[in-house]
Amino acid sequence: YGRAALRAGNWNEMLTAINAMSGTERARPQWRYWRARALAAVGRSSEANVLLAPLSNEFNFYGQLAAEDLGTSISSAPQTYHPSGAEVDGIAADPGIRRALALYRAGLRYEGALEWQWSIRDFDDKRLLAAAELAMRSDWFERAIDTAERTVMLHDFGLRYPTPYRTLVQENTRQTGLDEAWVYGLVRQESRFVHTARSSAGASGLMQLMPATARWAARRLGLNRPHHALTQTADTNISLGTFYLKQVLDSVNDNLVLASAGYNAGPGRARDWLADRPLEGAIYIETIPFSETREYVKRVMNNTLFYSRLFREPGPGLRERLGTVPARALLKN
């Protein structure tokens, strides 16, 4: 009901729908944000700002939109603390952490992750960041990200948003003309940089390519290798993945929101979800009917913003990156 009202642009109905939600549901970032937007739209700006102000301190998709609505935006990725070598060495001596790393290095990634999560359960921010730095040094990127994201007051966004395989990514983004920050934002969401990642649906590697997609891209690029080499080897996975991503982007008139949705759910579905009128990018995303794709696009676009700031790019904020999604009739087939 709330999303239907949002898609229709009926802000009064939107407020009614949100007010009818349970307190737990209303407290979710998305409904705090859209309630503020609805209040502002019906002339209750002071009430809207009361909701936006605390939300703007959060680093999620809605937090960044709220900050921009209030006239602020991150100009660089926040880094309020970086662990010292002594702090990292202290974490490395922790018995649980040592066991976790031993399991990981033995190829028992799942068991190692469980041991790691148990070991850091009571860590404060400084110890979490030291553990994240240790994981980063061990090329255990998904643990570094997960651990750094747990901090409350102290943050190091270089640990939350790592840039492994950067030479490969830069080479392929130069060849395809893709935005490096966007590619990193997508890869972080797809695999957390686990080059051996495999989904239950059969997607593999850093960019989680399905076998048929990998074979199609390989034929177009003139590659003739076994399937496992195409998808699980970092260089070919990134090469095939960025090539396919470029095709998806071209098919939706270079719209990053539609291309992100299309990479996850298929370009045809992304086009099917268009409205008969142009939609604000954030509204299109919020009204994607597949919850997995809806959350995926939010995270990819939020990741893209933070990567752009880590790369010290002065580019657009999140709202400008989301832009406007065209009406169905205006998108070329």
C-alpha atoms as a PDB file:
ATOM      1  CA  TYR A   1       0.000   0.000   0.000  1.00  0.00           C
ATOM      2  CA  GLY A   2       2.735   2.447   0.988  1.00  0.00           C
ATOM      3  CA  ARG A   3       4.818   1.673  -2.084  1.00  0.00           C
ATOM      4  CA  ALA A   4       1.767   1.914  -4.346  1.00  0.00           C
ATOM      5  CA  ALA A   5       1.026   5.372  -2.959  1.00  0.00           C
ATOM      6  CA  LEU A   6       4.657   6.373  -3.435  1.00  0.00           C
ATOM      7  CA  ARG A   7       4.701   5.222  -7.051  1.00  0.00           C
ATOM      8  CA  ALA A   8       1.471   7.130  -7.696  1.00  0.00           C
ATOM      9  CA  GLY A   9       2.902  10.277  -6.105  1.00  0.00           C
ATOM     10  CA  ASN A  10       0.091  10.440  -3.571  1.00  0.00           C
ATOM     11  CA  TRP A  11       1.843  11.804  -0.481  1.00  0.00           C
ATOM     12  CA  ASN A  12      -1.255  11.983   1.703  1.00  0.00           C
ATOM     13  CA  GLU A  13      -1.969   8.300   1.063  1.00  0.00           C
ATOM     14  CA  MET A  14       1.687   7.625   1.750  1.00  0.00           C
ATOM     15  CA  LEU A  15       1.387   9.223   5.171  1.00  0.00           C
ATOM     16  CA  THR A  16      -1.761   7.261   5.917  1.00  0.00           C
ATOM     17  CA  ALA A  17      -0.059   4.008   4.955  1.00  0.00           C
ATOM     18  CA  ILE A  18       3.029   4.669   7.069  1.00  0.00           C
ATOM     19  CA  ASN A  19       0.988   5.794  10.072  1.00  0.00           C
ATOM     20  CA  ALA A  20      -0.924   2.498   9.882  1.00  0.00           C
ATOM     21  CA  MET A  21       2.297   0.469  10.175  1.00  0.00           C
ATOM     22  CA  SER A  22       3.500  -1.084  13.407  1.00  0.00           C
ATOM     23  CA  GLY A  23       5.987   0.909  15.452  1.00  0.00           C
ATOM     24  CA  THR A  24       8.752  -1.533  14.500  1.00  0.00           C
ATOM     25  CA  GLU A  25       8.032  -1.172  10.790  1.00  0.00           C
ATOM     26  CA  ARG A  26       7.730   2.623  10.978  1.00  0.00           C
ATOM     27  CA  ALA A  27      11.147   2.766  12.653  1.00  0.00           C
ATOM     28  CA  ARG A  28      12.875   1.204   9.640  1.00  0.00           C
ATOM     29  CA  PRO A  29      15.098   3.666   7.751  1.00  0.00           C
ATOM     30  CA  GLN A  30      13.046   3.506   4.566  1.00  0.00           C
ATOM     31  CA  TRP A  31       9.782   4.466   6.222  1.00  0.00           C
ATOM     32  CA  ARG A  32      11.376   7.149   8.379  1.00  0.00           C
ATOM     33  CA  TYR A  33      12.772   8.642   5.190  1.00  0.00           C
ATOM     34  CA  TRP A  34       9.617   8.407   3.113  1.00  0.00           C
ATOM     35  CA  ARG A  35       7.496   9.703   5.980  1.00  0.00           C
ATOM     36  CA  ALA A  36       9.764  12.753   6.087  1.00  0.00           C
ATOM     37  CA  ARG A  37       9.473  13.209   2.339  1.00  0.00           C
ATOM     38  CA  ALA A  38       5.683  12.912   2.547  1.00  0.00           C
ATOM     39  CA  LEU A  39       5.524  15.440   5.377  1.00  0.00           C
ATOM     40  CA  ALA A  40       7.654  17.880   3.398  1.00  0.00           C
ATOM     41  CA  ALA A  41       5.482  17.369   0.326  1.00  0.00           C
ATOM     42  CA  VAL A  42       2.320  18.333   2.216  1.00  0.00           C
ATOM     43  CA  GLY A  43       3.897  21.442   3.712  1.00  0.00           C
ATOM     44  CA  ARG A  44       5.012  20.094   7.106  1.00  0.00           C
ATOM     45  CA  SER A  45       8.718  20.747   6.601  1.00  0.00           C
ATOM     46  CA  SER A  46       9.631  21.278  10.252  1.00  0.00           C
ATOM     47  CA  GLU A  47       8.235  17.840  11.146  1.00  0.00           C
ATOM     48  CA  ALA A  48      10.092  16.356   8.188  1.00  0.00           C
ATOM     49  CA  ASN A  49      13.394  17.836   9.333  1.00  0.00           C
ATOM     50  CA  VAL A  50      12.951  16.333  12.802  1.00  0.00           C
ATOM     51  CA  LEU A  51      12.938  12.912  11.127  1.00  0.00           C
ATOM     52  CA  LEU A  52      15.684  13.665   8.627  1.00  0.00           C
ATOM     53  CA  ALA A  53      18.227  15.038  11.103  1.00  0.00           C
ATOM     54  CA  PRO A  54      18.974  11.797  13.029  1.00  0.00           C
ATOM     55  CA  LEU A  55      18.622   9.700   9.878  1.00  0.00           C
ATOM     56  CA  SER A  56      21.277  11.824   8.162  1.00  0.00           C
ATOM     57  CA  ASN A  57      23.873  10.513  10.625  1.00  0.00           C
ATOM     58  CA  GLU A  58      23.441   6.955   9.363  1.00  0.00           C
ATOM     59  CA  PHE A  59      25.671   5.675   6.562  1.00  0.00           C
ATOM     60  CA  ASN A  60      23.011   3.711   4.726  1.00  0.00           C
ATOM     61  CA  PHE A  61      21.150   4.597   1.512  1.00  0.00           C
ATOM     62  CA  TYR A  62      18.456   6.567   3.321  1.00  0.00           C
ATOM     63  CA  GLY A  63      20.936   8.303   5.584  1.00  0.00           C
ATOM     64  CA  GLN A  64      22.730   9.742   2.588  1.00  0.00           C
ATOM     65  CA  LEU A  65      19.472  10.821   0.950  1.00  0.00           C
ATOM     66  CA  ALA A  66      18.394  12.451   4.212  1.00  0.00           C
ATOM     67  CA  ALA A  67      21.691  14.329   4.479  1.00  0.00           C
ATOM     68  CA  GLU A  68      21.290  15.657   0.946  1.00  0.00           C
ATOM     69  CA  ASP A  69      17.702  16.674   1.638  1.00  0.00           C
ATOM     70  CA  LEU A  70      19.059  18.753   4.512  1.00  0.00           C
ATOM     71  CA  GLY A  71      21.628  20.357   2.233  1.00  0.00           C
ATOM     72  CA  THR A  72      24.689  18.356   3.226  1.00  0.00           C
ATOM     73  CA  SER A  73      26.554  15.498   1.588  1.00  0.00           C
ATOM     74  CA  ILE A  74      29.732  13.583   2.270  1.00  0.00           C
ATOM     75  CA  SER A  75      32.683  15.061   0.403  1.00  0.00           C
ATOM     76  CA  SER A  76      35.056  12.315   1.531  1.00  0.00           C
ATOM     77  CA  ALA A  77      34.605   8.898   3.100  1.00  0.00           C
ATOM     78  CA  PRO A  78      34.653   9.281   6.902  1.00  0.00           C
ATOM     79  CA  GLN A  79      37.722   7.963   8.697  1.00  0.00           C
ATOM     80  CA  THR A  80      37.784   8.766  12.375  1.00  0.00           C
ATOM     81  CA  TYR A  81      40.206   6.087  13.516  1.00  0.00           C
ATOM     82  CA  HIS A  82      42.829   3.813  12.014  1.00  0.00           C
ATOM     83  CA  PRO A  83      44.337   1.057  14.179  1.00  0.00           C
ATOM     84  CA  SER A  84      48.028   1.093  14.996  1.00  0.00           C
ATOM     85  CA  GLY A  85      50.399  -1.752  14.233  1.00  0.00           C
ATOM     86  CA  ALA A  86      50.520  -2.641  17.928  1.00  0.00           C
ATOM     87  CA  GLU A  87      46.719  -2.877  18.072  1.00  0.00           C
ATOM     88  CA  VAL A  88      46.643  -5.169  15.054  1.00  0.00           C
ATOM     89  CA  ASP A  89      49.387  -7.328  16.548  1.00  0.00           C
ATOM     90  CA  GLY A  90      47.389  -7.580  19.764  1.00  0.00           C
ATOM     91  CA  ILE A  91      44.338  -8.843  17.869  1.00  0.00           C
ATOM     92  CA  ALA A  92      46.515 -11.290  15.923  1.00  0.00           C
ATOM     93  CA  ALA A  93      47.518 -12.871  19.246  1.00  0.00           C
ATOM     94  CA  ASP A  94      43.908 -13.513  20.265  1.00  0.00           C
ATOM     95  CA  PRO A  95      43.384 -17.310  20.364  1.00  0.00           C
ATOM     96  CA  GLY A  96      39.978 -17.192  18.678  1.00  0.00           C
ATOM     97  CA  ILE A  97      41.230 -14.936  15.900  1.00  0.00           C
ATOM     98  CA  ARG A  98      44.221 -17.216  15.385  1.00  0.00           C
ATOM     99  CA  ARG A  99      41.932 -20.226  15.076  1.00  0.00           C
ATOM    100  CA  ALA A 100      39.684 -18.357  12.628  1.00  0.00           C
ATOM    101  CA  LEU A 101      42.598 -17.394  10.399  1.00  0.00           C
ATOM    102  CA  ALA A 102      44.001 -20.939  10.518  1.00  0.00           C
ATOM    103  CA  LEU A 103      40.630 -22.317   9.380  1.00  0.00           C
ATOM    104  CA  TYR A 104      40.396 -19.732   6.617  1.00  0.00           C
ATOM    105  CA  ARG A 105      43.898 -20.487   5.341  1.00  0.00           C
ATOM    106  CA  ALA A 106      43.057 -24.208   5.373  1.00  0.00           C
ATOM    107  CA  GLY A 107      40.160 -23.533   3.014  1.00  0.00           C
ATOM    108  CA  LEU A 108      37.484 -23.862   5.725  1.00  0.00           C
ATOM    109  CA  ARG A 109      36.039 -20.409   5.089  1.00  0.00           C
ATOM    110  CA  TYR A 110      32.621 -21.065   6.651  1.00  0.00           C
ATOM    111  CA  GLU A 111      34.052 -22.565   9.843  1.00  0.00           C
ATOM    112  CA  GLY A 112      36.596 -19.761  10.034  1.00  0.00           C
ATOM    113  CA  ALA A 113      33.855 -17.137   9.694  1.00  0.00           C
ATOM    114  CA  LEU A 114      31.898 -18.682  12.571  1.00  0.00           C
ATOM    115  CA  GLU A 115      34.996 -18.680  14.783  1.00  0.00           C
ATOM    116  CA  TRP A 116      35.742 -15.077  13.799  1.00  0.00           C
ATOM    117  CA  GLN A 117      32.217 -13.869  14.538  1.00  0.00           C
ATOM    118  CA  TRP A 118      32.260 -15.501  17.956  1.00  0.00           C
ATOM    119  CA  SER A 119      35.675 -14.031  18.746  1.00  0.00           C
ATOM    120  CA  ILE A 120      34.721 -10.418  17.929  1.00  0.00           C
ATOM    121  CA  ARG A 121      31.260 -10.494  19.520  1.00  0.00           C
ATOM    122  CA  ASP A 122      32.264  -8.253  22.450  1.00  0.00           C
ATOM    123  CA  PHE A 123      34.912  -6.109  20.754  1.00  0.00           C
ATOM    124  CA  ASP A 124      34.701  -2.331  21.090  1.00  0.00           C
ATOM    125  CA  ASP A 125      35.193  -0.067  18.081  1.00  0.00           C
ATOM    126  CA  LYS A 126      38.993   0.090  18.319  1.00  0.00           C
ATOM    127  CA  ARG A 127      39.344  -3.680  18.546  1.00  0.00           C
ATOM    128  CA  LEU A 128      36.854  -4.165  15.723  1.00  0.00           C
ATOM    129  CA  LEU A 129      38.880  -1.905  13.454  1.00  0.00           C
ATOM    130  CA  ALA A 130      42.116  -3.645  14.429  1.00  0.00           C
ATOM    131  CA  ALA A 131      40.493  -6.995  13.612  1.00  0.00           C
ATOM    132  CA  ALA A 132      39.210  -5.627  10.304  1.00  0.00           C
ATOM    133  CA  GLU A 133      42.706  -4.421   9.428  1.00  0.00           C
ATOM    134  CA  LEU A 134      44.102  -7.873  10.243  1.00  0.00           C
ATOM    135  CA  ALA A 135      41.484  -9.499   8.021  1.00  0.00           C
ATOM    136  CA  MET A 136      42.359  -7.071   5.232  1.00  0.00           C
ATOM    137  CA  ARG A 137      46.043  -7.912   5.505  1.00  0.00           C
ATOM    138  CA  SER A 138      45.088 -11.576   5.223  1.00  0.00           C
ATOM    139  CA  ASP A 139      43.024 -10.895   2.056  1.00  0.00           C
ATOM    140  CA  TRP A 140      39.915 -12.033   3.907  1.00  0.00           C
ATOM    141  CA  PHE A 141      37.895  -9.170   2.521  1.00  0.00           C
ATOM    142  CA  GLU A 142      34.411 -10.243   3.537  1.00  0.00           C
ATOM    143  CA  ARG A 143      35.496 -10.483   7.185  1.00  0.00           C
ATOM    144  CA  ALA A 144      37.178  -7.071   6.960  1.00  0.00           C
ATOM    145  CA  ILE A 145      33.983  -5.510   5.600  1.00  0.00           C
ATOM    146  CA  ASP A 146      31.655  -7.204   8.066  1.00  0.00           C
ATOM    147  CA  THR A 147      33.873  -6.365  11.025  1.00  0.00           C
ATOM    148  CA  ALA A 148      34.423  -2.712  10.073  1.00  0.00           C
ATOM    149  CA  GLU A 149      30.684  -2.243   9.537  1.00  0.00           C
ATOM    150  CA  ARG A 150      29.989  -3.146  13.178  1.00  0.00           C
ATOM    151  CA  THR A 151      31.559  -0.008  14.619  1.00  0.00           C
ATOM    152  CA  VAL A 152      29.318   2.544  16.305  1.00  0.00           C
ATOM    153  CA  MET A 153      31.353   5.702  16.934  1.00  0.00           C
ATOM    154  CA  LEU A 154      34.763   5.169  15.315  1.00  0.00           C
ATOM    155  CA  HIS A 155      34.971   4.356  11.616  1.00  0.00           C
ATOM    156  CA  ASP A 156      37.466   3.527   8.887  1.00  0.00           C
ATOM    157  CA  PHE A 157      35.697   3.452   5.529  1.00  0.00           C
ATOM    158  CA  GLY A 158      38.791   2.211   3.769  1.00  0.00           C
ATOM    159  CA  LEU A 159      38.165  -1.040   5.635  1.00  0.00           C
ATOM    160  CA  ARG A 160      34.440  -1.024   4.885  1.00  0.00           C
ATOM    161  CA  TYR A 161      35.090  -0.426   1.195  1.00  0.00           C
ATOM    162  CA  PRO A 162      38.248  -2.275   0.136  1.00  0.00           C
ATOM    163  CA  THR A 163      39.648  -2.114  -3.399  1.00  0.00           C
ATOM    164  CA  PRO A 164      41.312  -5.452  -4.196  1.00  0.00           C
ATOM    165  CA  TYR A 165      42.089  -6.315  -7.829  1.00  0.00           C
ATOM    166  CA  ARG A 166      42.297  -2.628  -8.584  1.00  0.00           C
ATOM    167  CA  THR A 167      44.672  -2.939 -11.524  1.00  0.00           C
ATOM    168  CA  LEU A 168      42.284  -5.425 -13.154  1.00  0.00           C
ATOM    169  CA  VAL A 169      39.244  -3.282 -12.418  1.00  0.00           C
ATOM    170  CA  GLN A 170      40.867  -0.117 -13.740  1.00  0.00           C
ATOM    171  CA  GLU A 171      42.047  -1.844 -16.912  1.00  0.00           C
ATOM    172  CA  ASN A 172      38.571  -3.143 -17.645  1.00  0.00           C
ATOM    173  CA  THR A 173      36.736   0.060 -16.729  1.00  0.00           C
ATOM    174  CA  ARG A 174      39.036   1.978 -19.070  1.00  0.00           C
ATOM    175  CA  GLN A 175      38.236  -0.467 -21.874  1.00  0.00           C
ATOM    176  CA  THR A 176      34.485  -0.370 -21.294  1.00  0.00           C
ATOM    177  CA  GLY A 177      34.093   3.235 -20.188  1.00  0.00           C
ATOM    178  CA  LEU A 178      32.345   2.165 -16.974  1.00  0.00           C
ATOM    179  CA  ASP A 179      32.508   4.151 -13.742  1.00  0.00           C
ATOM    180  CA  GLU A 180      35.116   2.478 -11.517  1.00  0.00           C
ATOM    181  CA  ALA A 181      33.239   3.398  -8.330  1.00  0.00           C
ATOM    182  CA  TRP A 182      30.052   1.814  -9.685  1.00  0.00           C
ATOM    183  CA  VAL A 183      31.854  -1.385 -10.681  1.00  0.00           C
ATOM    184  CA  TYR A 184      33.394  -1.644  -7.217  1.00  0.00           C
ATOM    185  CA  GLY A 185      30.016  -0.933  -5.641  1.00  0.00           C
ATOM    186  CA  LEU A 186      28.500  -3.774  -7.611  1.00  0.00           C
ATOM    187  CA  VAL A 187      31.311  -6.279  -7.002  1.00  0.00           C
ATOM    188  CA  ARG A 188      31.231  -5.544  -3.269  1.00  0.00           C
ATOM    189  CA  GLN A 189      27.528  -6.361  -3.235  1.00  0.00           C
ATOM    190  CA  GLU A 190      27.820  -9.413  -5.483  1.00  0.00           C
ATOM    191  CA  SER A 191      30.655 -11.304  -3.810  1.00  0.00           C
ATOM    192  CA  ARG A 192      32.378  -9.229  -1.123  1.00  0.00           C
ATOM    193  CA  PHE A 193      35.482  -9.872  -3.258  1.00  0.00           C
ATOM    194  CA  VAL A 194      35.433 -13.658  -2.753  1.00  0.00           C
ATOM    195  CA  HIS A 195      36.703 -14.816  -6.144  1.00  0.00           C
ATOM    196  CA  THR A 196      35.540 -18.391  -5.475  1.00  0.00           C
ATOM    197  CA  ALA A 197      32.021 -17.344  -4.460  1.00  0.00           C
ATOM    198  CA  ARG A 198      29.212 -19.451  -5.880  1.00  0.00           C
ATOM    199  CA  SER A 199      25.503 -18.806  -5.402  1.00  0.00           C
ATOM    200  CA  SER A 200      22.775 -21.393  -4.998  1.00  0.00           C
ATOM    201  CA  ALA A 201      21.592 -20.438  -8.494  1.00  0.00           C
ATOM    202  CA  GLY A 202      25.000 -21.260  -9.978  1.00  0.00           C
ATOM    203  CA  ALA A 203      26.471 -17.770 -10.379  1.00  0.00           C
ATOM    204  CA  SER A 204      30.226 -17.718  -9.846  1.00  0.00           C
ATOM    205  CA  GLY A 205      33.147 -15.480  -9.059  1.00  0.00           C
ATOM    206  CA  LEU A 206      33.691 -11.848  -8.203  1.00  0.00           C
ATOM    207  CA  MET A 207      30.899 -10.586 -10.433  1.00  0.00           C
ATOM    208  CA  GLN A 208      28.645 -13.615  -9.901  1.00  0.00           C
ATOM    209  CA  LEU A 209      28.236 -14.599 -13.523  1.00  0.00           C
ATOM    210  CA  MET A 210      25.772 -17.259 -14.542  1.00  0.00           C
ATOM    211  CA  PRO A 211      27.299 -19.948 -16.797  1.00  0.00           C
ATOM    212  CA  ALA A 212      25.230 -18.953 -19.836  1.00  0.00           C
ATOM    213  CA  THR A 213      26.132 -15.282 -19.392  1.00  0.00           C
ATOM    214  CA  ALA A 214      29.829 -16.129 -19.047  1.00  0.00           C
ATOM    215  CA  ARG A 215      29.783 -18.257 -22.195  1.00  0.00           C
ATOM    216  CA  TRP A 216      27.938 -15.542 -24.148  1.00  0.00           C
ATOM    217  CA  ALA A 217      30.397 -12.839 -23.073  1.00  0.00           C
ATOM    218  CA  ALA A 218      33.369 -15.142 -23.718  1.00  0.00           C
ATOM    219  CA  ARG A 219      32.231 -15.789 -27.294  1.00  0.00           C
ATOM    220  CA  ARG A 220      31.838 -12.056 -27.880  1.00  0.00           C
ATOM    221  CA  LEU A 221      35.342 -11.439 -26.531  1.00  0.00           C
ATOM    222  CA  GLY A 222      36.906 -14.368 -28.391  1.00  0.00           C
ATOM    223  CA  LEU A 223      37.803 -16.326 -25.243  1.00  0.00           C
ATOM    224  CA  ASN A 224      37.827 -20.103 -25.396  1.00  0.00           C
ATOM    225  CA  ARG A 225      38.340 -21.500 -21.923  1.00  0.00           C
ATOM    226  CA  PRO A 226      36.577 -23.994 -19.652  1.00  0.00           C
ATOM    227  CA  HIS A 227      33.626 -22.600 -17.718  1.00  0.00           C
ATOM    228  CA  HIS A 228      35.361 -22.682 -14.318  1.00  0.00           C
ATOM    229  CA  ALA A 229      38.262 -20.646 -15.704  1.00  0.00           C
ATOM    230  CA  LEU A 230      35.863 -18.124 -17.181  1.00  0.00           C
ATOM    231  CA  THR A 231      34.029 -17.430 -13.948  1.00  0.00           C
ATOM    232  CA  GLN A 232      36.346 -18.195 -11.033  1.00  0.00           C
ATOM    233  CA  THR A 233      39.624 -16.734 -12.289  1.00  0.00           C
ATOM    234  CA  ALA A 234      39.689 -13.113 -11.173  1.00  0.00           C
ATOM    235  CA  ASP A 235      40.982 -11.613 -14.412  1.00  0.00           C
ATOM    236  CA  THR A 236      38.513 -13.345 -16.735  1.00  0.00           C
ATOM    237  CA  ASN A 237      35.612 -12.914 -14.315  1.00  0.00           C
ATOM    238  CA  ILE A 238      36.155  -9.167 -14.169  1.00  0.00           C
ATOM    239  CA  SER A 239      36.706  -8.979 -17.913  1.00  0.00           C
ATOM    240  CA  LEU A 240      33.522 -10.903 -18.724  1.00  0.00           C
ATOM    241  CA  GLY A 241      31.531  -9.231 -15.957  1.00  0.00           C
ATOM    242  CA  THR A 242      32.398  -5.673 -16.971  1.00  0.00           C
ATOM    243  CA  PHE A 243      31.751  -6.514 -20.636  1.00  0.00           C
ATOM    244  CA  TYR A 244      28.300  -7.842 -19.769  1.00  0.00           C
ATOM    245  CA  LEU A 245      27.616  -4.924 -17.415  1.00  0.00           C
ATOM    246  CA  LYS A 246      28.407  -2.519 -20.253  1.00  0.00           C
ATOM    247  CA  GLN A 247      25.884  -4.316 -22.482  1.00  0.00           C
ATOM    248  CA  VAL A 248      23.257  -4.016 -19.748  1.00  0.00           C
ATOM    249  CA  LEU A 249      24.016  -0.316 -19.295  1.00  0.00           C
ATOM    250  CA  ASP A 250      23.768   0.309 -23.041  1.00  0.00           C
ATOM    251  CA  SER A 251      20.407  -1.485 -23.151  1.00  0.00           C
ATOM    252  CA  VAL A 252      18.874   0.934 -20.639  1.00  0.00           C
ATOM    253  CA  ASN A 253      20.157   4.217 -22.075  1.00  0.00           C
ATOM    254  CA  ASP A 254      23.093   4.480 -19.643  1.00  0.00           C
ATOM    255  CA  ASN A 255      20.832   4.725 -16.596  1.00  0.00           C
ATOM    256  CA  LEU A 256      22.815   3.393 -13.610  1.00  0.00           C
ATOM    257  CA  VAL A 257      19.728   2.586 -11.544  1.00  0.00           C
ATOM    258  CA  LEU A 258      18.136   0.538 -14.309  1.00  0.00           C
ATOM    259  CA  ALA A 259      21.442  -1.140 -15.133  1.00  0.00           C
ATOM    260  CA  SER A 260      21.983  -2.125 -11.499  1.00  0.00           C
ATOM    261  CA  ALA A 261      18.484  -3.593 -11.351  1.00  0.00           C
ATOM    262  CA  GLY A 262      19.052  -5.277 -14.709  1.00  0.00           C
ATOM    263  CA  TYR A 263      22.323  -6.862 -13.644  1.00  0.00           C
ATOM    264  CA  ASN A 264      20.538  -8.475 -10.703  1.00  0.00           C
ATOM    265  CA  ALA A 265      17.166  -9.374 -12.190  1.00  0.00           C
ATOM    266  CA  GLY A 266      17.677  -9.066 -15.942  1.00  0.00           C
ATOM    267  CA  PRO A 267      17.387  -5.982 -18.190  1.00  0.00           C
ATOM    268  CA  GLY A 268      13.928  -7.053 -19.364  1.00  0.00           C
ATOM    269  CA  ARG A 269      12.539  -7.008 -15.852  1.00  0.00           C
ATOM    270  CA  ALA A 270      14.160  -3.640 -15.131  1.00  0.00           C
ATOM    271  CA  ARG A 271      12.341  -2.226 -18.157  1.00  0.00           C
ATOM    272  CA  ASP A 272       9.078  -3.971 -17.177  1.00  0.00           C
ATOM    273  CA  TRP A 273       9.145  -2.080 -13.883  1.00  0.00           C
ATOM    274  CA  LEU A 274       9.138   1.311 -15.600  1.00  0.00           C
ATOM    275  CA  ALA A 275       6.108   3.532 -15.133  1.00  0.00           C
ATOM    276  CA  ASP A 276       4.117   5.447 -17.728  1.00  0.00           C
ATOM    277  CA  ARG A 277       5.767   8.631 -16.490  1.00  0.00           C
ATOM    278  CA  PRO A 278       9.326   9.482 -15.407  1.00  0.00           C
ATOM    279  CA  LEU A 279      10.115   8.577 -11.801  1.00  0.00           C
ATOM    280  CA  GLU A 280      12.630   9.938  -9.365  1.00  0.00           C
ATOM    281  CA  GLY A 281      15.370   7.302  -9.163  1.00  0.00           C
ATOM    282  CA  ALA A 282      14.800   6.703  -5.451  1.00  0.00           C
ATOM    283  CA  ILE A 283      11.083   6.147  -6.044  1.00  0.00           C
ATOM    284  CA  TYR A 284      11.735   3.665  -8.858  1.00  0.00           C
ATOM    285  CA  ILE A 285      14.084   1.726  -6.568  1.00  0.00           C
ATOM    286  CA  GLU A 286      11.673   1.751  -3.632  1.00  0.00           C
ATOM    287  CA  THR A 287       8.882   0.366  -5.799  1.00  0.00           C
ATOM    288  CA  ILE A 288      10.818  -2.487  -7.413  1.00  0.00           C
ATOM    289  CA  PRO A 289       8.522  -5.468  -6.707  1.00  0.00           C
ATOM    290  CA  PHE A 290      11.355  -7.941  -6.018  1.00  0.00           C
ATOM    291  CA  SER A 291      12.664  -7.320  -2.501  1.00  0.00           C
ATOM    292  CA  GLU A 292      16.047  -8.864  -3.322  1.00  0.00           C
ATOM    293  CA  THR A 293      16.568  -6.563  -6.293  1.00  0.00           C
ATOM    294  CA  ARG A 294      15.199  -3.559  -4.406  1.00  0.00           C
ATOM    295  CA  GLU A 295      17.726  -3.982  -1.598  1.00  0.00           C
ATOM    296  CA  TYR A 296      20.484  -4.873  -4.059  1.00  0.00           C
ATOM    297  CA  VAL A 297      20.124  -1.641  -6.023  1.00  0.00           C
ATOM    298  CA  LYS A 298      20.050   0.461  -2.858  1.00  0.00           C
ATOM    299  CA  ARG A 299      23.272  -1.104  -1.646  1.00  0.00           C
ATOM    300  CA  VAL A 300      25.038  -0.900  -4.997  1.00  0.00           C
ATOM    301  CA  MET A 301      24.228   2.787  -5.380  1.00  0.00           C
ATOM    302  CA  ASN A 302      25.168   3.597  -1.784  1.00  0.00           C
ATOM    303  CA  ASN A 303      28.424   1.638  -2.219  1.00  0.00           C
ATOM    304  CA  THR A 304      29.093   3.621  -5.392  1.00  0.00           C
ATOM    305  CA  LEU A 305      28.837   6.904  -3.521  1.00  0.00           C
ATOM    306  CA  PHE A 306      31.307   5.821  -0.853  1.00  0.00           C
ATOM    307  CA  TYR A 307      33.763   4.393  -3.368  1.00  0.00           C
ATOM    308  CA  SER A 308      33.662   7.626  -5.345  1.00  0.00           C
ATOM    309  CA  ARG A 309      34.559   9.531  -2.191  1.00  0.00           C
ATOM    310  CA  LEU A 310      37.337   7.068  -1.327  1.00  0.00           C
ATOM    311  CA  PHE A 311      38.715   7.708  -4.805  1.00  0.00           C
ATOM    312  CA  ARG A 312      38.507  11.429  -3.991  1.00  0.00           C
ATOM    313  CA  GLU A 313      36.181  12.070  -6.899  1.00  0.00           C
ATOM    314  CA  PRO A 314      34.309  15.371  -6.581  1.00  0.00           C
ATOM    315  CA  GLY A 315      31.360  13.920  -8.496  1.00  0.00           C
ATOM    316  CA  PRO A 316      27.649  13.979  -7.806  1.00  0.00           C
ATOM    317  CA  GLY A 317      25.894  13.034  -4.594  1.00  0.00           C
ATOM    318  CA  LEU A 318      23.597  10.072  -4.255  1.00  0.00           C
ATOM    319  CA  ARG A 319      20.417  11.781  -5.448  1.00  0.00           C
ATOM    320  CA  GLU A 320      22.095  13.046  -8.606  1.00  0.00           C
ATOM    321  CA  ARG A 321      23.536   9.592  -9.254  1.00  0.00           C
ATOM    322  CA  LEU A 322      20.062   8.105  -8.946  1.00  0.00           C
ATOM    323  CA  GLY A 323      18.716  10.725 -11.313  1.00  0.00           C
ATOM    324  CA  THR A 324      15.398  10.247 -13.072  1.00  0.00           C
ATOM    325  CA  VAL A 325      14.250   6.931 -14.480  1.00  0.00           C
ATOM    326  CA  PRO A 326      12.531   7.555 -17.822  1.00  0.00           C
ATOM    327  CA  ALA A 327       8.977   6.643 -18.706  1.00  0.00           C
ATOM    328  CA  ARG A 328       8.479   3.296 -20.388  1.00  0.00           C
ATOM    329  CA  ALA A 329       7.720   4.869 -23.749  1.00  0.00           C
ATOM    330  CA  LEU A 330      10.945   6.914 -23.714  1.00  0.00           C
ATOM    331  CA  LEU A 331      13.339   4.012 -23.199  1.00  0.00           C
ATOM    332  CA  LYS A 332      14.579   2.573 -26.460  1.00  0.00           C
ATOM    333  CA  ASN A 333      14.314  -1.176 -26.923  1.00  0.00           C
END
